[in-house]
Amino acid sequence: MKSRKVMILLIMLATQAVTFGQGQVPAFTGTWKLDLHLSKIETKHPPIASTAKISYDGKVWHFSRTHQFSDGKADTWSTTMVVDSKKPRIQRFPPITSTSRITRDGSALVLNEDLRADSGERGTNTVRYTLSEDGQTLTEDEREGSPDSNEHNLWILKREPAK
């Protein structure tokens, strides 16, 4: 009887240890400012500044990013997605339809987007979101591809202090 209790206790502890290692939610939540000096941006019209606001609870990813451009214009893109959802998110941005999913890969999150223009042209965009060990630097490793071009952007953002 005593050995059975010990065995059950050991199994419970082992299960909790494995679950703890996989279950920690990466601390993406916060406000992030683009560091242009550390970033490597191949896009044709790079921003002069950018801010991202992220909320992530381990299940739902909310991301809002605003780029500022030298002509004074701004571009904001936002999305809210369920992480590891089997059902893709389909959005229409005429003339483009985007089918996307976000998945967890260890402590990283990976956004995969398939893009289709009304003309039939197709493209992809994949962004791998990772945090530095100290949690103060967010790296967005973006690879965008289409029949006309391929870009690899490495967006490096620094965490803003909480207000």
C-alpha atoms as a PDB file:
ATOM      1  CA  MET A   1       0.000   0.000   0.000  1.00  0.00           C
ATOM      2  CA  LYS A   2       2.801   2.389   0.932  1.00  0.00           C
ATOM      3  CA  SER A   3       4.712   1.665  -2.289  1.00  0.00           C
ATOM      4  CA  ARG A   4       1.567   2.299  -4.336  1.00  0.00           C
ATOM      5  CA  LYS A   5       1.127   5.745  -2.717  1.00  0.00           C
ATOM      6  CA  VAL A   6       4.771   6.548  -3.379  1.00  0.00           C
ATOM      7  CA  MET A   7       4.420   5.454  -7.018  1.00  0.00           C
ATOM      8  CA  ILE A   8       1.280   7.607  -7.491  1.00  0.00           C
ATOM      9  CA  LEU A   9       3.031  10.577  -5.895  1.00  0.00           C
ATOM     10  CA  LEU A  10       6.070  10.157  -8.177  1.00  0.00           C
ATOM     11  CA  ILE A  11       3.840   9.974 -11.272  1.00  0.00           C
ATOM     12  CA  MET A  12       1.977  13.110 -10.186  1.00  0.00           C
ATOM     13  CA  LEU A  13       5.223  15.014  -9.610  1.00  0.00           C
ATOM     14  CA  ALA A  14       6.652  13.909 -12.969  1.00  0.00           C
ATOM     15  CA  THR A  15       3.457  14.964 -14.753  1.00  0.00           C
ATOM     16  CA  GLN A  16       3.491  18.372 -13.082  1.00  0.00           C
ATOM     17  CA  ALA A  17       7.157  18.892 -13.990  1.00  0.00           C
ATOM     18  CA  VAL A  18       6.490  18.147 -17.667  1.00  0.00           C
ATOM     19  CA  THR A  19       3.339  20.293 -17.704  1.00  0.00           C
ATOM     20  CA  PHE A  20       5.133  23.190 -15.999  1.00  0.00           C
ATOM     21  CA  GLY A  21       7.902  23.188 -18.591  1.00  0.00           C
ATOM     22  CA  GLN A  22       5.417  23.274 -21.483  1.00  0.00           C
ATOM     23  CA  GLY A  23       2.725  25.397 -19.913  1.00  0.00           C
ATOM     24  CA  GLN A  24       4.492  28.630 -19.093  1.00  0.00           C
ATOM     25  CA  VAL A  25       3.059  31.530 -21.049  1.00  0.00           C
ATOM     26  CA  PRO A  26       5.776  33.602 -22.733  1.00  0.00           C
ATOM     27  CA  ALA A  27       5.570  37.224 -21.533  1.00  0.00           C
ATOM     28  CA  PHE A  28       4.787  38.884 -24.875  1.00  0.00           C
ATOM     29  CA  THR A  29       2.199  41.218 -23.324  1.00  0.00           C
ATOM     30  CA  GLY A  30       3.317  44.838 -23.364  1.00  0.00           C
ATOM     31  CA  THR A  31       4.203  47.808 -25.540  1.00  0.00           C
ATOM     32  CA  TRP A  32       7.198  47.473 -27.831  1.00  0.00           C
ATOM     33  CA  LYS A  33       9.212  50.104 -29.763  1.00  0.00           C
ATOM     34  CA  LEU A  34      11.141  49.302 -32.936  1.00  0.00           C
ATOM     35  CA  ASP A  35      14.939  49.575 -32.672  1.00  0.00           C
ATOM     36  CA  LEU A  36      15.935  50.578 -36.214  1.00  0.00           C
ATOM     37  CA  HIS A  37      19.656  50.222 -35.465  1.00  0.00           C
ATOM     38  CA  LEU A  38      19.369  46.534 -34.550  1.00  0.00           C
ATOM     39  CA  SER A  39      16.682  45.639 -37.105  1.00  0.00           C
ATOM     40  CA  LYS A  40      17.402  44.398 -40.628  1.00  0.00           C
ATOM     41  CA  ILE A  41      14.554  45.531 -42.838  1.00  0.00           C
ATOM     42  CA  GLU A  42      14.384  44.634 -46.540  1.00  0.00           C
ATOM     43  CA  THR A  43      10.906  46.024 -47.249  1.00  0.00           C
ATOM     44  CA  LYS A  44      10.826  48.648 -50.013  1.00  0.00           C
ATOM     45  CA  HIS A  45       9.292  51.386 -47.847  1.00  0.00           C
ATOM     46  CA  PRO A  46      10.555  50.894 -44.286  1.00  0.00           C
ATOM     47  CA  PRO A  47       9.050  52.851 -41.425  1.00  0.00           C
ATOM     48  CA  ILE A  48      11.009  55.488 -39.509  1.00  0.00           C
ATOM     49  CA  ALA A  49       9.380  54.333 -36.252  1.00  0.00           C
ATOM     50  CA  SER A  50       7.017  51.611 -35.114  1.00  0.00           C
ATOM     51  CA  THR A  51       5.132  50.622 -31.976  1.00  0.00           C
ATOM     52  CA  ALA A  52       3.505  47.263 -31.262  1.00  0.00           C
ATOM     53  CA  LYS A  53       1.036  46.506 -28.495  1.00  0.00           C
ATOM     54  CA  ILE A  54       0.571  42.860 -27.600  1.00  0.00           C
ATOM     55  CA  SER A  55      -1.778  41.057 -25.267  1.00  0.00           C
ATOM     56  CA  TYR A  56      -1.247  37.317 -24.875  1.00  0.00           C
ATOM     57  CA  ASP A  57      -2.739  35.098 -22.167  1.00  0.00           C
ATOM     58  CA  GLY A  58      -1.548  31.755 -23.515  1.00  0.00           C
ATOM     59  CA  LYS A  59      -4.678  31.246 -25.614  1.00  0.00           C
ATOM     60  CA  VAL A  60      -5.544  34.483 -27.398  1.00  0.00           C
ATOM     61  CA  TRP A  61      -2.990  36.613 -29.265  1.00  0.00           C
ATOM     62  CA  HIS A  62      -3.891  40.275 -29.815  1.00  0.00           C
ATOM     63  CA  PHE A  63      -1.345  42.235 -31.825  1.00  0.00           C
ATOM     64  CA  SER A  64      -1.591  45.849 -32.967  1.00  0.00           C
ATOM     65  CA  ARG A  65       1.277  47.526 -34.788  1.00  0.00           C
ATOM     66  CA  THR A  66       1.579  51.107 -36.067  1.00  0.00           C
ATOM     67  CA  HIS A  67       4.332  52.088 -38.488  1.00  0.00           C
ATOM     68  CA  GLN A  68       5.233  55.783 -38.915  1.00  0.00           C
ATOM     69  CA  PHE A  69       6.646  56.865 -42.276  1.00  0.00           C
ATOM     70  CA  SER A  70       8.839  59.786 -43.334  1.00  0.00           C
ATOM     71  CA  ASP A  71       5.952  61.422 -45.236  1.00  0.00           C
ATOM     72  CA  GLY A  72       4.001  61.721 -41.963  1.00  0.00           C
ATOM     73  CA  LYS A  73       1.609  58.889 -42.777  1.00  0.00           C
ATOM     74  CA  ALA A  74       0.927  56.005 -40.403  1.00  0.00           C
ATOM     75  CA  ASP A  75      -0.189  52.431 -41.023  1.00  0.00           C
ATOM     76  CA  THR A  76      -1.844  50.351 -38.315  1.00  0.00           C
ATOM     77  CA  TRP A  77      -2.423  46.604 -38.596  1.00  0.00           C
ATOM     78  CA  SER A  78      -4.205  44.644 -35.871  1.00  0.00           C
ATOM     79  CA  THR A  79      -5.292  41.067 -35.392  1.00  0.00           C
ATOM     80  CA  THR A  80      -6.778  38.894 -32.681  1.00  0.00           C
ATOM     81  CA  MET A  81      -6.371  35.144 -33.058  1.00  0.00           C
ATOM     82  CA  VAL A  82      -6.782  31.981 -31.009  1.00  0.00           C
ATOM     83  CA  VAL A  83      -3.372  30.301 -30.707  1.00  0.00           C
ATOM     84  CA  ASP A  84      -3.225  26.727 -32.057  1.00  0.00           C
ATOM     85  CA  SER A  85      -6.755  26.972 -33.447  1.00  0.00           C
ATOM     86  CA  LYS A  86      -7.604  24.305 -36.032  1.00  0.00           C
ATOM     87  CA  LYS A  87      -9.786  26.837 -37.841  1.00  0.00           C
ATOM     88  CA  PRO A  88      -7.883  29.477 -39.851  1.00  0.00           C
ATOM     89  CA  ARG A  89      -8.747  33.149 -39.677  1.00  0.00           C
ATOM     90  CA  ILE A  90      -9.894  34.429 -43.059  1.00  0.00           C
ATOM     91  CA  GLN A  91      -9.809  38.183 -43.647  1.00  0.00           C
ATOM     92  CA  ARG A  92     -10.575  40.191 -46.738  1.00  0.00           C
ATOM     93  CA  PHE A  93      -8.463  43.252 -47.554  1.00  0.00           C
ATOM     94  CA  PRO A  94      -9.502  44.002 -51.146  1.00  0.00           C
ATOM     95  CA  PRO A  95      -7.986  42.915 -53.457  1.00  0.00           C
ATOM     96  CA  ILE A  96      -6.348  40.372 -51.088  1.00  0.00           C
ATOM     97  CA  THR A  97      -7.754  37.519 -49.008  1.00  0.00           C
ATOM     98  CA  SER A  98      -5.605  36.392 -46.078  1.00  0.00           C
ATOM     99  CA  THR A  99      -5.900  32.939 -44.500  1.00  0.00           C
ATOM    100  CA  SER A 100      -3.881  32.779 -41.301  1.00  0.00           C
ATOM    101  CA  ARG A 101      -3.088  30.757 -38.210  1.00  0.00           C
ATOM    102  CA  ILE A 102      -0.853  31.376 -35.239  1.00  0.00           C
ATOM    103  CA  THR A 103       0.756  28.446 -33.442  1.00  0.00           C
ATOM    104  CA  ARG A 104       2.999  27.969 -30.471  1.00  0.00           C
ATOM    105  CA  ASP A 105       6.437  26.453 -31.061  1.00  0.00           C
ATOM    106  CA  GLY A 106       8.056  26.066 -27.643  1.00  0.00           C
ATOM    107  CA  SER A 107       8.368  29.599 -26.275  1.00  0.00           C
ATOM    108  CA  ALA A 108       7.891  31.154 -29.734  1.00  0.00           C
ATOM    109  CA  LEU A 109       4.705  32.023 -31.583  1.00  0.00           C
ATOM    110  CA  VAL A 110       4.572  31.564 -35.351  1.00  0.00           C
ATOM    111  CA  LEU A 111       2.130  33.402 -37.601  1.00  0.00           C
ATOM    112  CA  ASN A 112       1.554  31.788 -41.007  1.00  0.00           C
ATOM    113  CA  GLU A 113      -0.405  33.724 -43.603  1.00  0.00           C
ATOM    114  CA  ASP A 114      -1.403  32.599 -47.083  1.00  0.00           C
ATOM    115  CA  LEU A 115      -2.323  35.553 -49.267  1.00  0.00           C
ATOM    116  CA  ARG A 116      -4.385  35.405 -52.456  1.00  0.00           C
ATOM    117  CA  ALA A 117      -5.080  38.343 -54.737  1.00  0.00           C
ATOM    118  CA  ASP A 118      -8.259  38.549 -56.771  1.00  0.00           C
ATOM    119  CA  SER A 119      -6.015  38.176 -59.854  1.00  0.00           C
ATOM    120  CA  GLY A 120      -5.016  34.695 -58.630  1.00  0.00           C
ATOM    121  CA  GLU A 121      -1.516  35.706 -57.555  1.00  0.00           C
ATOM    122  CA  ARG A 122      -0.414  34.052 -54.301  1.00  0.00           C
ATOM    123  CA  GLY A 123       2.013  34.910 -51.544  1.00  0.00           C
ATOM    124  CA  THR A 124       3.003  33.900 -48.042  1.00  0.00           C
ATOM    125  CA  ASN A 125       4.057  35.713 -44.908  1.00  0.00           C
ATOM    126  CA  THR A 126       5.533  33.915 -41.899  1.00  0.00           C
ATOM    127  CA  VAL A 127       6.520  35.707 -38.701  1.00  0.00           C
ATOM    128  CA  ARG A 128       8.274  33.980 -35.806  1.00  0.00           C
ATOM    129  CA  TYR A 129       7.899  35.939 -32.542  1.00  0.00           C
ATOM    130  CA  THR A 130      10.525  35.279 -29.866  1.00  0.00           C
ATOM    131  CA  LEU A 131      11.645  36.973 -26.658  1.00  0.00           C
ATOM    132  CA  SER A 132      15.149  37.475 -25.363  1.00  0.00           C
ATOM    133  CA  GLU A 133      16.065  35.598 -22.212  1.00  0.00           C
ATOM    134  CA  ASP A 134      15.510  38.717 -20.081  1.00  0.00           C
ATOM    135  CA  GLY A 135      12.145  39.383 -21.758  1.00  0.00           C
ATOM    136  CA  GLN A 136      13.093  42.921 -22.809  1.00  0.00           C
ATOM    137  CA  THR A 137      13.645  42.331 -26.542  1.00  0.00           C
ATOM    138  CA  LEU A 138      11.075  41.024 -29.013  1.00  0.00           C
ATOM    139  CA  THR A 139      12.320  39.629 -32.329  1.00  0.00           C
ATOM    140  CA  GLU A 140       9.908  39.333 -35.237  1.00  0.00           C
ATOM    141  CA  ASP A 141      11.622  37.179 -37.859  1.00  0.00           C
ATOM    142  CA  GLU A 142       9.472  37.781 -40.944  1.00  0.00           C
ATOM    143  CA  ARG A 143       9.736  36.031 -44.307  1.00  0.00           C
ATOM    144  CA  GLU A 144       7.454  37.266 -47.033  1.00  0.00           C
ATOM    145  CA  GLY A 145       7.276  35.676 -50.444  1.00  0.00           C
ATOM    146  CA  SER A 146       5.449  36.283 -53.697  1.00  0.00           C
ATOM    147  CA  PRO A 147       6.136  35.605 -57.376  1.00  0.00           C
ATOM    148  CA  ASP A 148       7.625  39.121 -57.644  1.00  0.00           C
ATOM    149  CA  SER A 149       9.834  39.232 -54.559  1.00  0.00           C
ATOM    150  CA  ASN A 150      11.054  37.633 -51.371  1.00  0.00           C
ATOM    151  CA  GLU A 151      11.838  39.639 -48.246  1.00  0.00           C
ATOM    152  CA  HIS A 152      13.435  38.685 -44.953  1.00  0.00           C
ATOM    153  CA  ASN A 153      12.827  41.303 -42.275  1.00  0.00           C
ATOM    154  CA  LEU A 154      14.247  41.059 -38.791  1.00  0.00           C
ATOM    155  CA  TRP A 155      12.253  43.484 -36.662  1.00  0.00           C
ATOM    156  CA  ILE A 156      13.884  44.066 -33.251  1.00  0.00           C
ATOM    157  CA  LEU A 157      11.702  45.765 -30.662  1.00  0.00           C
ATOM    158  CA  LYS A 158      12.420  46.875 -27.108  1.00  0.00           C
ATOM    159  CA  ARG A 159       9.919  46.628 -24.283  1.00  0.00           C
ATOM    160  CA  GLU A 160       8.556  49.937 -23.035  1.00  0.00           C
ATOM    161  CA  PRO A 161       8.261  50.362 -19.254  1.00  0.00           C
ATOM    162  CA  ALA A 162       4.751  49.700 -17.929  1.00  0.00           C
ATOM    163  CA  LYS A 163       2.804  52.840 -17.065  1.00  0.00           C
END
